[in-house]
Amino acid sequence: MTSQTTTADASAAAQGSHMWVLTLKVPGRGMTTSHGTVTPPAGATRHDTFRRLLDYVVSENPRMSSGNCVFFTLEPNRL
């Protein structure tokens, strides 16, 4: 599974099958919100995808390694 942040002009075919937003907060030390698109592998559960995205966000923001998830959404990337 890969995750990527996309630009507004990226074609739908180049984006993942799902759009996600994840916010982590470390009390007294800050908060971060990340977003992007992802195509989970066949058979992956919502929890599997959450854990992989959480790992991705923490790898990009190591200070959030002890953060609490205050918001998470994973929705099909279509209107």
N, C-alpha and C. Protein backbone atom coordinates (compact mmCIF):
# COMPACT_ATOMS: atom_id res chain seq x y z
N MET A 1 0.84 -1.17 0.00
CA MET A 1 0.00 0.00 0.00
C MET A 1 0.88 1.23 0.00
N THR A 2 0.50 2.20 -0.77
CA THR A 2 1.21 3.46 -0.75
C THR A 2 0.24 4.55 -0.41
N SER A 3 0.72 5.61 0.15
CA SER A 3 -0.12 6.77 0.39
C SER A 3 0.54 7.95 -0.28
N GLN A 4 -0.27 8.86 -0.71
CA GLN A 4 0.26 10.02 -1.39
C GLN A 4 -0.66 11.20 -1.16
N THR A 5 -0.09 12.37 -1.14
CA THR A 5 -0.89 13.58 -1.11
C THR A 5 -1.02 14.04 -2.55
N THR A 6 -2.22 14.36 -2.96
CA THR A 6 -2.45 14.71 -4.34
C THR A 6 -2.75 16.19 -4.49
N THR A 7 -2.55 16.69 -5.68
CA THR A 7 -2.87 18.09 -5.97
C THR A 7 -4.26 18.15 -6.58
N ALA A 8 -4.85 19.33 -6.57
CA ALA A 8 -6.21 19.51 -7.05
C ALA A 8 -6.34 19.17 -8.53
N ASP A 9 -5.26 19.31 -9.32
CA ASP A 9 -5.37 19.04 -10.75
C ASP A 9 -4.96 17.62 -11.14
N ALA A 10 -4.68 16.77 -10.19
CA ALA A 10 -4.32 15.39 -10.50
C ALA A 10 -5.55 14.65 -11.01
N SER A 11 -5.36 13.82 -12.03
CA SER A 11 -6.50 13.08 -12.58
C SER A 11 -6.96 12.03 -11.58
N ALA A 12 -8.23 11.69 -11.66
CA ALA A 12 -8.79 10.69 -10.74
C ALA A 12 -8.09 9.36 -10.90
N ALA A 13 -7.69 9.00 -12.10
CA ALA A 13 -7.03 7.72 -12.33
C ALA A 13 -5.68 7.65 -11.63
N ALA A 14 -5.02 8.79 -11.45
CA ALA A 14 -3.71 8.82 -10.80
C ALA A 14 -3.82 8.83 -9.28
N GLN A 15 -5.01 9.04 -8.77
CA GLN A 15 -5.23 9.07 -7.32
C GLN A 15 -5.58 7.69 -6.81
N GLY A 16 -5.51 7.53 -5.49
CA GLY A 16 -5.90 6.26 -4.89
C GLY A 16 -7.40 6.07 -4.87
N SER A 17 -7.82 4.88 -4.50
CA SER A 17 -9.25 4.56 -4.47
C SER A 17 -9.97 5.20 -3.29
N HIS A 18 -9.22 5.61 -2.26
CA HIS A 18 -9.80 6.21 -1.06
C HIS A 18 -9.07 7.49 -0.69
N MET A 19 -9.80 8.44 -0.13
CA MET A 19 -9.23 9.68 0.39
C MET A 19 -9.24 9.57 1.91
N TRP A 20 -8.16 10.06 2.56
CA TRP A 20 -8.06 9.94 4.01
C TRP A 20 -7.60 11.26 4.63
N VAL A 21 -7.99 11.46 5.87
CA VAL A 21 -7.54 12.58 6.71
C VAL A 21 -7.30 11.99 8.10
N LEU A 22 -6.15 12.33 8.69
CA LEU A 22 -5.78 11.82 10.01
C LEU A 22 -5.18 12.96 10.82
N THR A 23 -5.73 13.19 12.01
CA THR A 23 -5.22 14.23 12.92
C THR A 23 -4.73 13.57 14.20
N LEU A 24 -3.50 13.90 14.58
CA LEU A 24 -2.90 13.42 15.82
C LEU A 24 -2.60 14.61 16.72
N LYS A 25 -2.74 14.40 18.03
CA LYS A 25 -2.44 15.46 19.00
C LYS A 25 -1.63 14.88 20.14
N VAL A 26 -0.56 15.57 20.48
CA VAL A 26 0.21 15.26 21.68
C VAL A 26 -0.08 16.41 22.64
N PRO A 27 -0.82 16.16 23.72
CA PRO A 27 -1.19 17.23 24.64
C PRO A 27 0.02 18.05 25.08
N GLY A 28 -0.12 19.35 24.94
CA GLY A 28 0.94 20.26 25.34
C GLY A 28 2.11 20.36 24.38
N ARG A 29 2.10 19.54 23.31
CA ARG A 29 3.24 19.55 22.39
C ARG A 29 2.85 19.76 20.94
N GLY A 30 1.58 19.79 20.63
CA GLY A 30 1.19 20.09 19.26
C GLY A 30 0.22 19.11 18.65
N MET A 31 -0.13 19.44 17.41
CA MET A 31 -1.11 18.68 16.66
C MET A 31 -0.69 18.69 15.20
N THR A 32 -1.03 17.64 14.47
CA THR A 32 -0.77 17.61 13.03
C THR A 32 -1.94 16.94 12.32
N THR A 33 -2.25 17.44 11.14
CA THR A 33 -3.26 16.83 10.28
C THR A 33 -2.61 16.51 8.96
N SER A 34 -2.78 15.29 8.51
CA SER A 34 -2.26 14.84 7.22
C SER A 34 -3.41 14.31 6.39
N HIS A 35 -3.23 14.32 5.08
CA HIS A 35 -4.28 13.83 4.19
C HIS A 35 -3.66 13.32 2.91
N GLY A 36 -4.44 12.56 2.17
CA GLY A 36 -3.97 12.05 0.89
C GLY A 36 -4.92 11.02 0.34
N THR A 37 -4.43 10.26 -0.62
CA THR A 37 -5.21 9.18 -1.19
C THR A 37 -4.42 7.89 -1.04
N VAL A 38 -5.14 6.80 -1.03
CA VAL A 38 -4.52 5.49 -0.84
C VAL A 38 -5.37 4.43 -1.53
N THR A 39 -4.73 3.40 -2.02
CA THR A 39 -5.44 2.23 -2.53
C THR A 39 -5.02 1.05 -1.66
N PRO A 40 -5.88 0.65 -0.71
CA PRO A 40 -5.54 -0.47 0.15
C PRO A 40 -5.41 -1.76 -0.66
N PRO A 41 -4.55 -2.68 -0.21
CA PRO A 41 -4.43 -3.95 -0.92
C PRO A 41 -5.70 -4.78 -0.76
N ALA A 42 -5.92 -5.69 -1.68
CA ALA A 42 -7.09 -6.58 -1.61
C ALA A 42 -7.13 -7.26 -0.25
N GLY A 43 -8.30 -7.28 0.35
CA GLY A 43 -8.48 -7.95 1.63
C GLY A 43 -8.16 -7.12 2.85
N ALA A 44 -7.63 -5.91 2.65
CA ALA A 44 -7.29 -5.06 3.80
C ALA A 44 -8.56 -4.57 4.47
N THR A 45 -8.50 -4.44 5.78
CA THR A 45 -9.62 -3.92 6.55
C THR A 45 -9.41 -2.42 6.80
N ARG A 46 -10.45 -1.78 7.28
CA ARG A 46 -10.33 -0.36 7.66
C ARG A 46 -9.26 -0.21 8.74
N HIS A 47 -9.23 -1.13 9.69
CA HIS A 47 -8.22 -1.07 10.76
C HIS A 47 -6.81 -1.24 10.20
N ASP A 48 -6.61 -2.18 9.29
CA ASP A 48 -5.30 -2.36 8.65
C ASP A 48 -4.84 -1.05 8.01
N THR A 49 -5.76 -0.42 7.29
CA THR A 49 -5.43 0.81 6.58
C THR A 49 -5.15 1.94 7.56
N PHE A 50 -5.94 2.04 8.63
CA PHE A 50 -5.69 3.04 9.66
C PHE A 50 -4.28 2.88 10.24
N ARG A 51 -3.92 1.65 10.60
CA ARG A 51 -2.60 1.41 11.20
C ARG A 51 -1.47 1.79 10.24
N ARG A 52 -1.62 1.45 8.98
CA ARG A 52 -0.59 1.79 7.99
C ARG A 52 -0.49 3.30 7.80
N LEU A 53 -1.63 3.98 7.76
CA LEU A 53 -1.61 5.43 7.62
C LEU A 53 -1.04 6.09 8.87
N LEU A 54 -1.39 5.57 10.03
CA LEU A 54 -0.84 6.09 11.28
C LEU A 54 0.69 5.95 11.27
N ASP A 55 1.18 4.80 10.88
CA ASP A 55 2.64 4.60 10.79
C ASP A 55 3.26 5.59 9.81
N TYR A 56 2.60 5.81 8.68
CA TYR A 56 3.09 6.77 7.67
C TYR A 56 3.16 8.18 8.25
N VAL A 57 2.08 8.62 8.91
CA VAL A 57 2.05 9.98 9.46
C VAL A 57 3.13 10.15 10.53
N VAL A 58 3.30 9.16 11.38
CA VAL A 58 4.33 9.23 12.43
C VAL A 58 5.73 9.23 11.80
N SER A 59 5.93 8.47 10.73
CA SER A 59 7.25 8.48 10.09
C SER A 59 7.57 9.85 9.50
N GLU A 60 6.54 10.58 9.07
CA GLU A 60 6.72 11.92 8.53
C GLU A 60 6.80 12.98 9.64
N ASN A 61 6.27 12.67 10.83
CA ASN A 61 6.22 13.59 11.97
C ASN A 61 6.58 12.82 13.24
N PRO A 62 7.86 12.47 13.43
CA PRO A 62 8.24 11.62 14.56
C PRO A 62 7.81 12.16 15.93
N ARG A 63 7.68 13.46 16.07
CA ARG A 63 7.26 14.01 17.36
C ARG A 63 5.83 13.61 17.73
N MET A 64 5.09 13.05 16.77
CA MET A 64 3.72 12.60 17.01
C MET A 64 3.63 11.13 17.38
N SER A 65 4.75 10.49 17.63
CA SER A 65 4.75 9.04 17.89
C SER A 65 3.92 8.65 19.11
N SER A 66 3.75 9.55 20.05
CA SER A 66 2.91 9.25 21.22
C SER A 66 1.58 9.99 21.14
N GLY A 67 1.24 10.45 19.94
CA GLY A 67 0.02 11.24 19.77
C GLY A 67 -1.25 10.42 19.86
N ASN A 68 -2.31 11.12 20.23
CA ASN A 68 -3.64 10.53 20.26
C ASN A 68 -4.35 10.87 18.95
N CYS A 69 -5.03 9.92 18.39
CA CYS A 69 -5.81 10.18 17.19
C CYS A 69 -7.07 10.91 17.60
N VAL A 70 -7.25 12.13 17.08
CA VAL A 70 -8.45 12.90 17.40
C VAL A 70 -9.42 12.96 16.22
N PHE A 71 -8.93 12.55 15.03
CA PHE A 71 -9.82 12.49 13.87
C PHE A 71 -9.23 11.54 12.83
N PHE A 72 -10.09 10.70 12.26
CA PHE A 72 -9.68 9.84 11.15
C PHE A 72 -10.89 9.61 10.26
N THR A 73 -10.69 9.76 8.97
CA THR A 73 -11.71 9.39 8.02
C THR A 73 -11.04 8.72 6.83
N LEU A 74 -11.71 7.73 6.28
CA LEU A 74 -11.29 7.00 5.11
C LEU A 74 -12.54 6.76 4.28
N GLU A 75 -12.61 7.42 3.15
CA GLU A 75 -13.82 7.38 2.33
C GLU A 75 -13.46 7.04 0.89
N PRO A 76 -14.39 6.40 0.16
CA PRO A 76 -14.14 6.18 -1.26
C PRO A 76 -13.85 7.51 -1.95
N ASN A 77 -12.90 7.53 -2.85
CA ASN A 77 -12.46 8.75 -3.50
C ASN A 77 -13.29 9.00 -4.77
N ARG A 78 -14.55 9.26 -4.56
CA ARG A 78 -15.47 9.57 -5.67
C ARG A 78 -16.57 10.48 -5.16
N LEU A 79 -17.21 11.14 -6.07
CA LEU A 79 -18.35 12.01 -5.71
C LEU A 79 -19.64 11.35 -6.12
